[in-house]
Protein backbone atom coordinates (compact mmCIF):
# COMPACT_ATOMS: atom_id res chain seq x y z
CA UNK A 1 103.36 76.78 283.63
CA UNK A 2 102.17 73.21 283.59
CA UNK A 3 104.53 70.76 285.27
CA UNK A 4 104.67 67.02 285.81
CA UNK A 5 102.64 67.13 289.02
CA UNK A 6 99.85 69.39 287.86
CA UNK A 7 99.49 68.19 284.28
CA UNK A 8 95.78 68.22 283.55
CA UNK A 9 94.86 65.07 281.75
CA UNK A 10 92.39 65.26 278.88
CA UNK A 11 90.06 63.06 280.94
CA UNK A 12 89.33 66.09 283.10
CA UNK A 13 87.79 67.92 280.17
CA UNK A 14 84.04 67.89 279.48
CA UNK A 15 83.02 64.71 277.67
CA UNK A 16 81.17 66.78 275.08
CA UNK A 17 84.51 67.99 273.76
CA UNK A 18 85.15 64.50 272.40
CA UNK A 19 83.06 63.95 269.33
CA UNK A 20 81.26 60.65 269.30
CA UNK A 21 81.61 60.11 273.06
CA UNK A 22 78.82 58.09 274.63
CA UNK A 23 77.11 58.89 277.94
CA UNK A 24 79.39 58.03 280.82
CA UNK A 25 78.34 55.20 283.09
CA UNK A 26 79.29 55.38 286.73
CA UNK A 27 81.49 52.30 286.73
CA UNK A 28 83.52 53.05 283.61
CA UNK A 29 86.19 55.33 285.17
CA UNK A 30 86.74 52.95 288.08
CA UNK A 31 86.93 49.92 285.78
CA UNK A 32 89.36 51.72 283.48
CA UNK A 33 91.72 52.58 286.33
CA UNK A 34 91.43 49.07 287.78
CA UNK A 35 92.27 47.49 284.42
CA UNK A 36 95.23 49.82 283.95
CA UNK A 37 96.55 49.04 287.44
CA UNK A 38 96.08 45.32 286.80
CA UNK A 39 98.09 45.65 283.60
CA UNK A 40 100.93 47.34 285.46
CA UNK A 41 100.93 44.72 288.21
CA UNK A 42 100.98 41.90 285.66
CA UNK A 43 103.87 43.50 283.81
CA UNK A 44 106.03 44.60 286.74
CA UNK A 45 105.30 41.83 289.24
CA UNK A 46 103.70 39.01 287.25
CA UNK A 47 102.14 35.86 288.62
CA UNK A 48 105.43 34.21 289.63
CA UNK A 49 107.77 36.76 291.24
CA UNK A 50 111.07 35.48 292.69
CA UNK A 51 110.92 32.47 290.36
CA UNK A 52 113.79 30.07 291.04
CA UNK A 53 116.32 29.75 288.24
CA UNK A 54 116.26 25.97 288.17
CA UNK A 55 116.39 23.66 285.17
CA UNK A 56 112.63 23.95 284.58
CA UNK A 57 112.40 27.73 284.54
CA UNK A 58 115.65 28.12 282.60
CA UNK A 59 114.22 25.84 279.93
CA UNK A 60 111.35 28.32 279.55
CA UNK A 61 113.84 31.08 278.86
CA UNK A 62 114.95 34.36 280.34
CA UNK A 63 112.87 36.62 278.13
CA UNK A 64 110.41 37.32 280.91
CA UNK A 65 108.71 35.80 283.91
CA UNK A 66 108.54 32.10 284.52
CA UNK A 67 105.34 30.55 283.30
CA UNK A 68 105.24 32.86 280.30
CA UNK A 69 102.89 30.59 278.42
CA UNK A 70 100.45 29.42 281.07
CA UNK A 71 96.71 29.74 280.59
CA UNK A 72 96.11 31.86 283.70
CA UNK A 73 98.50 34.56 282.53
CA UNK A 74 96.97 34.63 279.06
CA UNK A 75 93.45 34.80 280.49
CA UNK A 76 94.35 37.70 282.79
CA UNK A 77 95.88 39.72 279.95
CA UNK A 78 92.85 39.05 277.76
CA UNK A 79 90.52 40.19 280.54
CA UNK A 80 92.52 43.39 281.04
CA UNK A 81 92.37 44.05 277.31
CA UNK A 82 88.60 43.55 277.07
CA UNK A 83 87.95 45.84 280.03
CA UNK A 84 90.37 48.46 278.65
CA UNK A 85 88.70 48.36 275.25
CA UNK A 86 85.19 48.52 276.67
CA UNK A 87 85.88 51.38 279.06
CA UNK A 88 87.86 53.36 276.47
CA UNK A 89 84.93 53.13 274.04
CA UNK A 90 82.50 54.04 276.83
CA UNK A 91 84.50 57.07 277.94
CA UNK A 92 85.83 58.30 274.60
CA UNK A 93 83.59 56.80 271.96
CA UNK A 94 85.15 56.06 268.61
CA UNK A 95 87.84 58.63 269.38
CA UNK A 96 89.44 55.92 271.52
CA UNK A 97 90.52 54.13 268.36
CA UNK A 98 92.86 57.03 267.61
CA UNK A 99 94.95 56.03 270.62
CA UNK A 100 96.99 53.60 268.49
CA UNK A 101 99.09 55.15 265.70
CA UNK A 102 98.21 53.62 262.29
CA UNK A 103 101.83 52.64 261.64
CA UNK A 104 101.85 50.67 264.91
CA UNK A 105 98.67 48.90 263.80
CA UNK A 106 100.43 47.97 260.55
CA UNK A 107 103.45 46.69 262.49
CA UNK A 108 101.31 44.50 264.73
CA UNK A 109 99.47 43.18 261.68
CA UNK A 110 102.80 42.36 260.02
CA UNK A 111 103.97 40.52 263.15
CA UNK A 112 100.83 38.38 263.07
CA UNK A 113 101.04 37.82 259.31
CA UNK A 114 104.64 36.62 259.64
CA UNK A 115 103.31 33.45 261.25
CA UNK A 116 102.52 32.34 257.69
CA UNK A 117 106.23 31.77 256.97
CA UNK A 118 107.49 31.16 260.52
CA UNK A 119 109.04 27.75 261.24
CA UNK A 120 106.65 27.36 264.20
CA UNK A 121 103.42 29.13 263.18
CA UNK A 122 101.56 28.32 266.38
CA UNK A 123 104.33 29.91 268.47
CA UNK A 124 104.38 33.00 266.26
CA UNK A 125 100.59 33.40 266.51
CA UNK A 126 100.58 33.07 270.31
CA UNK A 127 103.42 35.53 270.78
CA UNK A 128 102.00 37.99 268.27
CA UNK A 129 98.64 37.68 270.00
CA UNK A 130 100.19 38.55 273.37
CA UNK A 131 102.02 41.47 271.76
CA UNK A 132 98.79 42.83 270.29
CA UNK A 133 96.92 42.46 273.59
CA UNK A 134 99.64 44.20 275.60
CA UNK A 135 100.12 47.07 273.13
CA UNK A 136 96.39 47.76 272.80
CA UNK A 137 95.82 47.46 276.55
CA UNK A 138 98.54 50.01 277.27
CA UNK A 139 97.39 52.46 274.60
CA UNK A 140 93.68 52.17 275.39
CA UNK A 141 94.35 52.32 279.13
CA UNK A 142 96.08 55.68 278.83
CA UNK A 143 93.33 56.85 276.49
CA UNK A 144 90.65 55.93 279.02
CA UNK A 145 92.14 57.36 282.21
CA UNK A 146 94.27 60.23 280.87
CA UNK A 147 97.93 61.12 281.23
CA UNK A 148 97.89 62.39 284.80
CA UNK A 149 96.32 59.26 286.29
CA UNK A 150 98.35 56.94 284.07
CA UNK A 151 101.62 58.55 285.12
CA UNK A 152 100.53 58.59 288.76
CA UNK A 153 99.66 54.88 288.74
CA UNK A 154 102.91 54.02 286.94
CA UNK A 155 104.90 55.92 289.56
CA UNK A 156 103.00 54.20 292.38
CA UNK A 157 103.70 50.73 290.96
CA UNK A 158 107.38 51.59 290.45
CA UNK A 159 107.58 52.67 294.10
CA UNK A 160 105.94 49.39 295.14
CA UNK A 161 108.38 47.34 293.04
CA UNK A 162 111.35 49.26 294.43
CA UNK A 163 110.20 48.66 298.01
CA UNK A 164 109.61 44.95 297.37
CA UNK A 165 113.02 44.61 295.72
CA UNK A 166 114.85 46.18 298.64
CA UNK A 167 112.92 44.16 301.24
CA UNK A 168 113.49 40.95 299.31
CA UNK A 169 117.29 41.07 299.55
CA UNK A 170 117.46 40.10 303.24
CA UNK A 171 114.21 38.12 303.25
CA UNK A 172 113.96 36.15 299.99
CA UNK A 173 116.55 33.56 299.02
CA UNK A 174 115.97 33.93 295.28
CA UNK A 175 116.29 37.72 295.21
CA UNK A 176 120.01 37.26 294.43
CA UNK A 177 121.59 35.16 291.69
CA UNK A 178 122.73 32.03 293.51
CA UNK A 179 125.63 29.60 292.98
CA UNK A 180 124.92 27.07 290.27
CA UNK A 181 124.16 29.60 287.52
CA UNK A 182 125.20 28.57 284.02
CA UNK A 183 127.00 31.93 283.91
CA UNK A 184 129.15 32.11 287.08
CA UNK A 185 129.56 35.87 286.68
CA UNK A 186 125.91 36.32 287.71
CA UNK A 187 126.38 34.89 291.18
CA UNK A 188 125.79 37.53 293.85
CA UNK A 189 124.08 40.04 291.54
CA UNK A 190 120.79 41.39 292.84
CA UNK A 191 117.69 40.55 290.79
CA UNK A 192 114.91 41.27 293.27
CA UNK A 193 111.58 39.84 292.16
CA UNK A 194 112.70 39.51 288.54
CA UNK A 195 114.06 36.49 286.72
CA UNK A 196 117.33 38.11 285.68
CA UNK A 197 119.46 40.99 286.89
CA UNK A 198 119.28 42.73 283.49
CA UNK A 199 115.48 42.96 283.76
CA UNK A 200 115.81 44.33 287.29
CA UNK A 201 118.47 46.77 286.09
CA UNK A 202 116.31 48.17 283.29
CA UNK A 203 113.33 48.60 285.64
CA UNK A 204 115.52 50.37 288.21
CA UNK A 205 116.98 52.71 285.59
CA UNK A 206 113.55 53.65 284.23
CA UNK A 207 112.25 54.08 287.79
CA UNK A 208 115.18 56.37 288.56
CA UNK A 209 114.33 58.48 285.51
CA UNK A 210 110.71 58.89 286.62
CA UNK A 211 111.68 59.67 290.23
CA UNK A 212 114.40 62.11 289.12
CA UNK A 213 112.03 64.30 287.11
CA UNK A 214 109.38 64.20 289.82
CA UNK A 215 112.07 65.31 292.27
CA UNK A 216 113.08 68.21 290.01
CA UNK A 217 109.48 69.41 289.96
CA UNK A 218 108.43 68.76 293.57
CA UNK A 219 111.76 69.52 295.33
CA UNK A 220 110.65 67.03 297.98
CA UNK A 221 113.18 64.92 299.86
CA UNK A 222 111.01 61.81 299.37
CA UNK A 223 111.31 61.97 295.59
CA UNK A 224 115.09 62.44 295.81
CA UNK A 225 115.23 59.49 298.22
CA UNK A 226 113.29 57.34 295.75
CA UNK A 227 115.70 58.31 292.99
CA UNK A 228 118.70 57.44 295.18
CA UNK A 229 117.16 54.10 296.21
CA UNK A 230 116.46 53.14 292.59
CA UNK A 231 119.98 54.12 291.52
CA UNK A 232 121.53 52.19 294.42
CA UNK A 233 119.59 49.01 293.63
CA UNK A 234 120.58 49.43 289.98
CA UNK A 235 124.25 49.48 290.96
CA UNK A 236 123.81 46.26 292.98
CA UNK A 237 122.31 44.46 289.99
CA UNK A 238 125.62 44.98 288.16
CA UNK A 239 123.60 45.45 284.96
CA UNK A 240 126.29 47.26 283.01
CA UNK A 241 124.06 48.41 280.17
CA UNK A 242 121.51 50.11 282.41
CA UNK A 243 124.12 51.54 284.78
CA UNK A 244 126.00 53.18 281.94
CA UNK A 245 122.95 54.45 280.06
CA UNK A 246 121.07 56.05 282.97
CA UNK A 247 123.36 59.12 283.22
CA UNK A 248 123.52 59.32 279.42
CA UNK A 249 119.71 59.42 279.18
CA UNK A 250 119.46 62.11 281.86
CA UNK A 251 122.14 64.18 280.11
CA UNK A 252 120.39 63.93 276.74
CA UNK A 253 117.10 64.93 278.36
CA UNK A 254 118.87 67.94 279.85
CA UNK A 255 120.11 68.97 276.41
CA UNK A 256 116.58 68.53 275.04
CA UNK A 257 115.22 70.82 277.76
CA UNK A 258 117.91 73.43 276.98
CA UNK A 259 116.87 73.47 273.34
CA UNK A 260 113.61 75.14 274.36
CA UNK A 261 115.07 77.91 276.49
CA UNK A 262 114.10 81.41 275.28
CA UNK A 263 116.86 83.05 273.29
CA UNK A 264 118.64 79.77 272.56
CA UNK A 265 118.73 78.81 268.92
CA UNK A 266 117.61 75.19 268.70
CA UNK A 267 119.39 74.89 265.37
CA UNK A 268 122.71 75.62 267.11
CA UNK A 269 122.06 72.92 269.72
CA UNK A 270 121.04 70.43 267.04
CA UNK A 271 124.16 71.30 265.03
CA UNK A 272 126.33 70.77 268.12
CA UNK A 273 124.82 67.34 268.68
CA UNK A 274 125.42 66.56 265.03
CA UNK A 275 129.08 67.57 265.32
CA UNK A 276 129.50 65.33 268.37
CA UNK A 277 128.04 62.43 266.39
CA UNK A 278 130.32 63.24 263.44
CA UNK A 279 133.40 63.25 265.66
CA UNK A 280 132.37 59.88 267.11
CA UNK A 281 131.86 58.38 263.65
CA UNK A 282 135.18 59.80 262.43
CA UNK A 283 137.02 58.40 265.45
CA UNK A 284 135.40 55.02 264.84
CA UNK A 285 136.41 55.08 261.16
CA UNK A 286 140.01 55.95 262.04
CA UNK A 287 140.22 52.91 264.29
CA UNK A 288 138.03 50.61 262.22
CA UNK A 289 140.54 47.79 262.44
CA UNK A 290 140.46 47.68 266.23
CA UNK A 291 136.67 47.82 266.25
CA UNK A 292 136.46 44.99 263.73
CA UNK A 293 138.78 42.85 265.84
CA UNK A 294 136.65 43.62 268.90
CA UNK A 295 133.45 42.52 267.17
CA UNK A 296 135.12 39.41 265.79
CA UNK A 297 136.04 38.25 269.28
CA UNK A 298 133.06 36.23 270.58
CA UNK A 299 134.20 36.75 274.17
CA UNK A 300 133.73 40.55 274.03
CA UNK A 301 130.59 42.30 275.32
CA UNK A 302 129.89 39.32 277.59
CA UNK A 303 129.57 37.04 274.58
CA UNK A 304 127.13 39.26 272.67
CA UNK A 305 129.34 39.48 269.59
CA UNK A 306 128.85 35.78 268.86
CA UNK A 307 125.10 36.38 268.83
CA UNK A 308 125.42 39.50 266.65
CA UNK A 309 127.57 37.66 264.12
CA UNK A 310 124.92 34.97 263.75
CA UNK A 311 122.15 37.54 263.44
CA UNK A 312 123.99 39.54 260.79
CA UNK A 313 124.64 36.36 258.80
CA UNK A 314 120.96 35.39 258.95
CA UNK A 315 119.79 38.88 257.93
CA UNK A 316 122.15 38.78 254.96
CA UNK A 317 120.44 35.60 253.76
CA UNK A 318 116.86 36.67 254.60
CA UNK A 319 116.70 40.48 254.36
CA UNK A 320 113.03 41.10 253.56
CA UNK A 321 110.61 38.86 255.46
CA UNK A 322 112.66 37.51 258.35
CA UNK A 323 112.03 34.25 260.16
CA UNK A 324 108.67 35.12 261.68
CA UNK A 325 107.69 37.02 264.81
CA UNK A 326 108.76 35.50 268.13
CA UNK A 327 110.85 32.82 266.47
CA UNK A 328 114.26 33.99 267.70
CA UNK A 329 114.39 32.30 271.11
CA UNK A 330 112.71 29.56 273.12
CA UNK A 331 111.72 27.72 269.96
CA UNK A 332 114.10 24.77 270.26
CA UNK A 333 115.04 23.27 266.92
CA UNK A 334 112.90 25.87 265.09
CA UNK A 335 115.23 28.75 265.95
CA UNK A 336 116.21 30.68 262.79
CA UNK A 337 119.84 30.72 263.92
CA UNK A 338 120.30 26.97 263.60
CA UNK A 339 122.93 26.54 260.96
CA UNK A 340 124.60 29.78 262.03
CA UNK A 341 125.44 28.77 265.61
CA UNK A 342 125.38 25.57 267.60
CA UNK A 343 122.08 24.18 268.87
CA UNK A 344 123.31 24.30 272.47
CA UNK A 345 123.84 28.04 272.20
CA UNK A 346 120.34 28.65 270.81
CA UNK A 347 118.76 26.83 273.73
CA UNK A 348 120.53 28.96 276.34
CA UNK A 349 119.90 32.42 274.88
CA UNK A 350 116.55 34.14 275.36
CA UNK A 351 117.07 37.11 273.03
CA UNK A 352 119.55 38.66 270.65
CA UNK A 353 121.01 41.38 272.89
CA UNK A 354 120.26 43.92 270.18
CA UNK A 355 116.63 44.72 269.41
CA UNK A 356 117.42 46.22 266.01
CA UNK A 357 119.17 43.10 264.77
CA UNK A 358 116.60 40.86 266.40
CA UNK A 359 113.74 42.66 264.63
CA UNK A 360 115.57 42.24 261.32
CA UNK A 361 115.91 38.53 262.06
CA UNK A 362 112.27 37.98 263.06
CA UNK A 363 110.12 40.47 261.10
CA UNK A 364 112.59 41.30 258.34
CA UNK A 365 113.28 44.57 256.61
CA UNK A 366 109.57 45.35 256.18
CA UNK A 367 108.80 45.03 259.88
CA UNK A 368 112.01 46.84 260.81
CA UNK A 369 111.09 49.90 258.73
CA UNK A 370 107.60 50.02 260.30
CA UNK A 371 109.16 49.70 263.75
CA UNK A 372 111.64 52.51 263.15
CA UNK A 373 108.84 54.79 262.01
CA UNK A 374 106.69 53.92 265.04
CA UNK A 375 109.44 53.86 267.68
CA UNK A 376 111.88 56.50 266.43
CA UNK A 377 110.64 58.81 263.67
CA UNK A 378 107.16 59.61 264.98
CA UNK A 379 108.26 60.17 268.60
CA UNK A 380 111.12 62.43 267.43
CA UNK A 381 108.66 64.49 265.40
CA UNK A 382 106.40 64.80 268.45
CA UNK A 383 109.34 65.90 270.62
CA UNK A 384 110.19 68.63 268.13
CA UNK A 385 106.69 70.11 268.05
CA UNK A 386 105.99 70.00 271.79
CA UNK A 387 103.93 72.84 273.25
CA UNK A 388 105.61 74.90 276.02
CA UNK A 389 103.10 73.81 278.68
CA UNK A 390 103.97 70.16 278.03
CA UNK A 391 107.76 70.61 278.09
CA UNK A 392 108.42 69.31 281.64
CA UNK A 393 106.42 66.17 280.92
CA UNK A 394 108.04 65.65 277.53
CA UNK A 395 111.50 66.07 279.03
CA UNK A 396 110.78 63.07 281.23
CA UNK A 397 109.53 61.19 278.19
CA UNK A 398 112.64 62.16 276.22
CA UNK A 399 114.84 60.63 278.92
CA UNK A 400 112.86 57.36 278.65
CA UNK A 401 113.05 57.59 274.85
CA UNK A 402 116.83 58.14 274.86
CA UNK A 403 117.44 55.35 277.37
CA UNK A 404 115.39 52.86 275.38
CA UNK A 405 116.93 53.70 272.01
CA UNK A 406 120.41 53.22 273.46
CA UNK A 407 119.51 50.23 275.65
CA UNK A 408 118.21 48.32 272.65
CA UNK A 409 121.66 48.30 271.10
CA UNK A 410 122.76 45.94 273.89
CA UNK A 411 119.47 44.32 274.93
CA UNK A 412 116.20 43.41 273.22
CA UNK A 413 113.23 45.36 274.59
CA UNK A 414 111.22 46.38 271.53
CA UNK A 415 108.28 44.05 270.79
CA UNK A 416 109.17 41.86 273.77
CA UNK A 417 105.65 40.85 274.82
CA UNK A 418 105.06 42.11 278.34
CA UNK A 419 108.68 43.01 279.13
CA UNK A 420 108.66 45.82 281.74
CA UNK A 421 111.02 48.14 279.84
CA UNK A 422 109.02 47.67 276.64
CA UNK A 423 105.74 48.47 278.40
CA UNK A 424 107.22 51.65 279.91
CA UNK A 425 108.20 52.68 276.38
CA UNK A 426 104.68 51.92 275.16
CA UNK A 427 103.16 54.00 277.96
CA UNK A 428 105.48 56.86 277.04
CA UNK A 429 104.27 56.70 273.43
CA UNK A 430 100.64 56.57 274.56
CA UNK A 431 100.97 59.49 277.00
CA UNK A 432 102.77 61.63 274.42
CA UNK A 433 100.05 60.96 271.88
CA UNK A 434 97.31 61.66 274.44
CA UNK A 435 98.91 64.90 275.59
CA UNK A 436 99.43 66.08 272.03
CA UNK A 437 95.77 65.46 271.16
CA UNK A 438 94.44 67.19 274.27
C-alpha cells in the first residue's frame, strides 16, 4: 500500500502519458525544483527574518514580514513565478494549466477586479498581483516537480525553520517579544524568525502535523523528535489558537482515517459527526444570552470581538462587492472600517482575526462564495472520493485542511499574500489535485 514516504509522484511517469507534453530539456527539472525551493524559502524565511518590532516595522503592519512592499521582494517572487510557469509548460505542456482549479482562477480574477471600487486602487492591484503570483507559483511548482518532491522539499524547509527558531532563542535578541510592545501580554513570547508569535505558532502547528504523519509512517525516532520539537516551540509561542487547534486537527484526521477502514460504514461515522455538531449547536442556542454577552464584550478573545463587531457592521452595509481586495489593513485612512471603529484602532490592526469575515469585508459576498467553493467544497469532495492508495497522504492533508478551516475563525490566513500558513494550505490543494489526476 502506498504511504507518505513512498508515494510515487506523477512526475515519475513517462512524459508520453501527458498529452501535449513537449520534449524535456535537461535543465527544466532542476530549474523547477530550484524555483519551488526558492518559493518556500521566500515564504517561510523571507528577506528580513528576525525583523525588529520598532516603530518603522510596526507601521508596515503585522500581516507578514517586514519590508512587505519592497522592490526586491516583488522581483524575487516574479522571477520564481516566471521560472515555475516556464518549467511547468516545458515538463507538462498545456496540461500544466490544469493545475489551477477554474473556480480559483475566477476568485483571483475577482480579487483583481475589485480594485475598480477599492478606496485605494493601486494598493488593491499590488496586493492582488502578489496573491496571483504566489498562488500560481505554488500550484505550478507542484505540477512541475510532482507530489513526492514537493512534500519532501516542504518537509526539509520546515525542519530548517524549526532548527533556526530553536537556535535563535539563545542567540538572537529579537527571537522573543521584547519589553516595549504595544500589547504588554506579548512580552516573553517566542516568535523565532517571524514578526509575530501567532505566525510562528501557526507554522509550528503545521510543521507538527507534517512531522506527526511522517512519524506514523516511518516509525523513526527522528520524526517523533521533530514532532516533539515543533510542539514544544509552539507551546512557548503562547499562540492560543494554534495550541488549541493542533490536537483538534489531529483528532479529526484520525476520524477521517477511520471512515475508510474495511467494514466500517462511513455513513455511520458521518452521522456521528453530525450529531456532535447538532449537540454543540443546541447547547449554544440554549445559552445564546451568555454567548451574546461574550461577543458584545470587546475585551473578550484578546480584543477580537471589537474587530468582529466592526466587520459585521460593514458587511451589513456592503454585502455584495465588499471594499476591495487587500483594503482591510495597512491602508491608513482608506481602511473600510473607518466610521465603524476609531482611526487609531485601524492603524494598529493588521488583519481581522477571522478570515471569513475579512473576506466578506474585502471581496464581498461574490468573492466569499467563490472562496468557499475553492477552499471548502472542492477539497471536501476530493477527500470523499480518495483512492485507497492515496489515503495515508490524504489523511495528512485532511489534518492541514481541518486546522486551517478552524484557525481561520480566529485568524486571517486565506488570501493573505505569502503568509506561511496560507501557502501550506495552497500546497495541500495543489498536491491533492496532482495526486487525484495521476
